[in-house]
Amino acid sequence: MPESTIETFKKERERLNEIVMKYSGLSIKRFYSLDSQVYRQGALPAKTKELLGLVASLVLRCDDCIKYHIVRCHEEGVTSEELEEALTIGLVVGGSITIPHLRRAFQAWDELKQARM
């Protein structure tokens, strides 16, 4: 059975992050730390924060970021309905140029949902 695109993405992301950390000084390490800390449970639930990250990533048209937040949303128990509403906000804010990214977001979500079955 071929590896899923999600699994391929996770492995490649981990491999590339290891390379980044090999060369990282304090500033890059601090940024990575801040990035992971802001998505932790706080006044806003982690689930909400991941949806916010997803919408921002869609508007900025970053496919890697979109895929990462799709995975995290799935892990945080986001429903398909919640995901669709959040992505609709990103579509409205970002406009039609985000449609190719929206397609890939739903493709990744569909793959995660199929893997669960």
C-alpha atoms as a PDB file:
ATOM      1  CA  MET A   1       0.000   0.000   0.000  1.00  0.00           C
ATOM      2  CA  PRO A   2       1.518   3.355  -0.998  1.00  0.00           C
ATOM      3  CA  GLU A   3       2.221   5.930   1.690  1.00  0.00           C
ATOM      4  CA  SER A   4      -0.431   8.638   2.033  1.00  0.00           C
ATOM      5  CA  THR A   5       0.330  12.218   1.088  1.00  0.00           C
ATOM      6  CA  ILE A   6      -0.241  13.173   4.729  1.00  0.00           C
ATOM      7  CA  GLU A   7       2.329  10.652   5.966  1.00  0.00           C
ATOM      8  CA  THR A   8       4.774  11.789   3.292  1.00  0.00           C
ATOM      9  CA  PHE A   9       4.211  15.405   4.350  1.00  0.00           C
ATOM     10  CA  LYS A  10       4.778  14.620   8.048  1.00  0.00           C
ATOM     11  CA  LYS A  11       8.022  12.750   7.370  1.00  0.00           C
ATOM     12  CA  GLU A  12       9.361  15.429   5.025  1.00  0.00           C
ATOM     13  CA  ARG A  13       8.461  18.200   7.481  1.00  0.00           C
ATOM     14  CA  GLU A  14      10.240  16.376  10.300  1.00  0.00           C
ATOM     15  CA  ARG A  15      13.312  15.727   8.130  1.00  0.00           C
ATOM     16  CA  LEU A  16      13.531  19.360   7.031  1.00  0.00           C
ATOM     17  CA  ASN A  17      13.020  20.660  10.576  1.00  0.00           C
ATOM     18  CA  GLU A  18      15.949  18.508  11.711  1.00  0.00           C
ATOM     19  CA  ILE A  19      18.121  20.185   9.075  1.00  0.00           C
ATOM     20  CA  VAL A  20      16.940  23.636  10.154  1.00  0.00           C
ATOM     21  CA  MET A  21      17.729  22.847  13.794  1.00  0.00           C
ATOM     22  CA  LYS A  22      21.200  21.637  12.831  1.00  0.00           C
ATOM     23  CA  TYR A  23      22.011  25.159  11.625  1.00  0.00           C
ATOM     24  CA  SER A  24      19.795  27.146  14.005  1.00  0.00           C
ATOM     25  CA  GLY A  25      20.966  29.765  16.374  1.00  0.00           C
ATOM     26  CA  LEU A  26      19.019  31.132  19.295  1.00  0.00           C
ATOM     27  CA  SER A  27      16.759  33.370  17.181  1.00  0.00           C
ATOM     28  CA  ILE A  28      15.420  30.559  14.996  1.00  0.00           C
ATOM     29  CA  LYS A  29      14.993  28.276  18.004  1.00  0.00           C
ATOM     30  CA  ARG A  30      13.072  30.997  19.840  1.00  0.00           C
ATOM     31  CA  PHE A  31      10.812  31.528  16.842  1.00  0.00           C
ATOM     32  CA  TYR A  32      10.071  27.789  16.579  1.00  0.00           C
ATOM     33  CA  SER A  33       9.327  27.707  20.307  1.00  0.00           C
ATOM     34  CA  LEU A  34       6.999  30.705  20.093  1.00  0.00           C
ATOM     35  CA  ASP A  35       5.231  29.160  17.110  1.00  0.00           C
ATOM     36  CA  SER A  36       4.444  25.993  19.048  1.00  0.00           C
ATOM     37  CA  GLN A  37       3.525  27.828  22.267  1.00  0.00           C
ATOM     38  CA  VAL A  38       0.874  30.100  20.747  1.00  0.00           C
ATOM     39  CA  TYR A  39      -1.241  27.120  19.672  1.00  0.00           C
ATOM     40  CA  ARG A  40      -1.440  25.635  23.165  1.00  0.00           C
ATOM     41  CA  GLN A  41      -4.632  25.689  25.196  1.00  0.00           C
ATOM     42  CA  GLY A  42      -5.191  29.108  26.775  1.00  0.00           C
ATOM     43  CA  ALA A  43      -8.085  31.566  26.889  1.00  0.00           C
ATOM     44  CA  LEU A  44      -8.903  30.069  23.485  1.00  0.00           C
ATOM     45  CA  PRO A  45      -9.066  26.297  23.109  1.00  0.00           C
ATOM     46  CA  ALA A  46      -6.276  24.684  21.060  1.00  0.00           C
ATOM     47  CA  LYS A  47      -8.921  23.583  18.548  1.00  0.00           C
ATOM     48  CA  THR A  48      -9.945  27.202  17.914  1.00  0.00           C
ATOM     49  CA  LYS A  49      -6.323  28.290  17.610  1.00  0.00           C
ATOM     50  CA  GLU A  50      -5.658  25.620  14.987  1.00  0.00           C
ATOM     51  CA  LEU A  51      -8.694  26.797  13.007  1.00  0.00           C
ATOM     52  CA  LEU A  52      -7.358  30.363  13.197  1.00  0.00           C
ATOM     53  CA  GLY A  53      -3.973  29.174  11.966  1.00  0.00           C
ATOM     54  CA  LEU A  54      -5.678  27.311   9.144  1.00  0.00           C
ATOM     55  CA  VAL A  55      -7.642  30.367   8.012  1.00  0.00           C
ATOM     56  CA  ALA A  56      -4.543  32.577   8.118  1.00  0.00           C
ATOM     57  CA  SER A  57      -2.600  29.957   6.144  1.00  0.00           C
ATOM     58  CA  LEU A  58      -5.343  29.757   3.518  1.00  0.00           C
ATOM     59  CA  VAL A  59      -5.408  33.533   3.103  1.00  0.00           C
ATOM     60  CA  LEU A  60      -1.598  33.587   2.850  1.00  0.00           C
ATOM     61  CA  ARG A  61      -1.773  30.641   0.401  1.00  0.00           C
ATOM     62  CA  CYS A  62       0.832  28.500   2.162  1.00  0.00           C
ATOM     63  CA  ASP A  63       0.090  24.876   1.244  1.00  0.00           C
ATOM     64  CA  ASP A  64       2.562  23.447   3.780  1.00  0.00           C
ATOM     65  CA  CYS A  65       0.996  25.513   6.549  1.00  0.00           C
ATOM     66  CA  ILE A  66      -2.506  24.585   5.413  1.00  0.00           C
ATOM     67  CA  LYS A  67      -1.647  20.890   5.450  1.00  0.00           C
ATOM     68  CA  TYR A  68      -0.012  21.195   8.879  1.00  0.00           C
ATOM     69  CA  HIS A  69      -3.081  22.922  10.348  1.00  0.00           C
ATOM     70  CA  ILE A  70      -5.449  20.443   8.653  1.00  0.00           C
ATOM     71  CA  VAL A  71      -3.561  17.629  10.415  1.00  0.00           C
ATOM     72  CA  ARG A  72      -3.645  19.502  13.730  1.00  0.00           C
ATOM     73  CA  CYS A  73      -7.355  20.315  13.335  1.00  0.00           C
ATOM     74  CA  HIS A  74      -8.019  16.626  12.787  1.00  0.00           C
ATOM     75  CA  GLU A  75      -5.989  15.768  15.888  1.00  0.00           C
ATOM     76  CA  GLU A  76      -7.905  18.380  17.911  1.00  0.00           C
ATOM     77  CA  GLY A  77     -11.270  16.875  16.950  1.00  0.00           C
ATOM     78  CA  VAL A  78     -12.491  19.532  14.540  1.00  0.00           C
ATOM     79  CA  THR A  79     -15.615  18.354  12.716  1.00  0.00           C
ATOM     80  CA  SER A  80     -16.039  18.555   8.968  1.00  0.00           C
ATOM     81  CA  GLU A  81     -18.718  21.180   9.504  1.00  0.00           C
ATOM     82  CA  GLU A  82     -16.421  23.336  11.658  1.00  0.00           C
ATOM     83  CA  LEU A  83     -13.641  22.980   9.113  1.00  0.00           C
ATOM     84  CA  GLU A  84     -15.929  24.012   6.246  1.00  0.00           C
ATOM     85  CA  GLU A  85     -17.103  27.118   8.112  1.00  0.00           C
ATOM     86  CA  ALA A  86     -13.548  28.167   8.935  1.00  0.00           C
ATOM     87  CA  LEU A  87     -12.341  27.593   5.382  1.00  0.00           C
ATOM     88  CA  THR A  88     -15.317  29.585   4.079  1.00  0.00           C
ATOM     89  CA  ILE A  89     -14.105  32.568   6.113  1.00  0.00           C
ATOM     90  CA  GLY A  90     -10.657  32.160   4.573  1.00  0.00           C
ATOM     91  CA  LEU A  91     -12.192  31.989   1.107  1.00  0.00           C
ATOM     92  CA  VAL A  92     -14.207  35.148   1.655  1.00  0.00           C
ATOM     93  CA  VAL A  93     -11.232  37.037   3.086  1.00  0.00           C
ATOM     94  CA  GLY A  94      -8.701  35.673   0.597  1.00  0.00           C
ATOM     95  CA  GLY A  95     -10.877  35.631  -2.501  1.00  0.00           C
ATOM     96  CA  SER A  96     -10.965  33.298  -5.456  1.00  0.00           C
ATOM     97  CA  ILE A  97      -7.155  33.070  -5.597  1.00  0.00           C
ATOM     98  CA  THR A  98      -7.373  30.789  -2.548  1.00  0.00           C
ATOM     99  CA  ILE A  99      -9.546  28.209  -4.367  1.00  0.00           C
ATOM    100  CA  PRO A 100      -6.625  25.953  -5.449  1.00  0.00           C
ATOM    101  CA  HIS A 101      -5.437  25.922  -1.825  1.00  0.00           C
ATOM    102  CA  LEU A 102      -8.978  25.257  -0.629  1.00  0.00           C
ATOM    103  CA  ARG A 103      -9.108  22.230  -2.930  1.00  0.00           C
ATOM    104  CA  ARG A 104      -5.881  20.831  -1.506  1.00  0.00           C
ATOM    105  CA  ALA A 105      -7.084  21.532   2.049  1.00  0.00           C
ATOM    106  CA  PHE A 106     -10.227  19.493   1.515  1.00  0.00           C
ATOM    107  CA  GLN A 107      -8.214  16.778  -0.235  1.00  0.00           C
ATOM    108  CA  ALA A 108      -5.965  16.476   2.843  1.00  0.00           C
ATOM    109  CA  TRP A 109      -9.013  16.486   5.140  1.00  0.00           C
ATOM    110  CA  ASP A 110     -10.665  13.790   3.046  1.00  0.00           C
ATOM    111  CA  GLU A 111      -7.507  11.669   3.243  1.00  0.00           C
ATOM    112  CA  LEU A 112      -7.425  12.007   7.035  1.00  0.00           C
ATOM    113  CA  LYS A 113     -11.101  11.134   7.309  1.00  0.00           C
ATOM    114  CA  GLN A 114     -10.658   8.077   5.038  1.00  0.00           C
ATOM    115  CA  ALA A 115      -7.668   6.889   7.093  1.00  0.00           C
ATOM    116  CA  ARG A 116      -9.821   6.920  10.212  1.00  0.00           C
ATOM    117  CA  MET A 117     -12.375   4.529   8.679  1.00  0.00           C
END
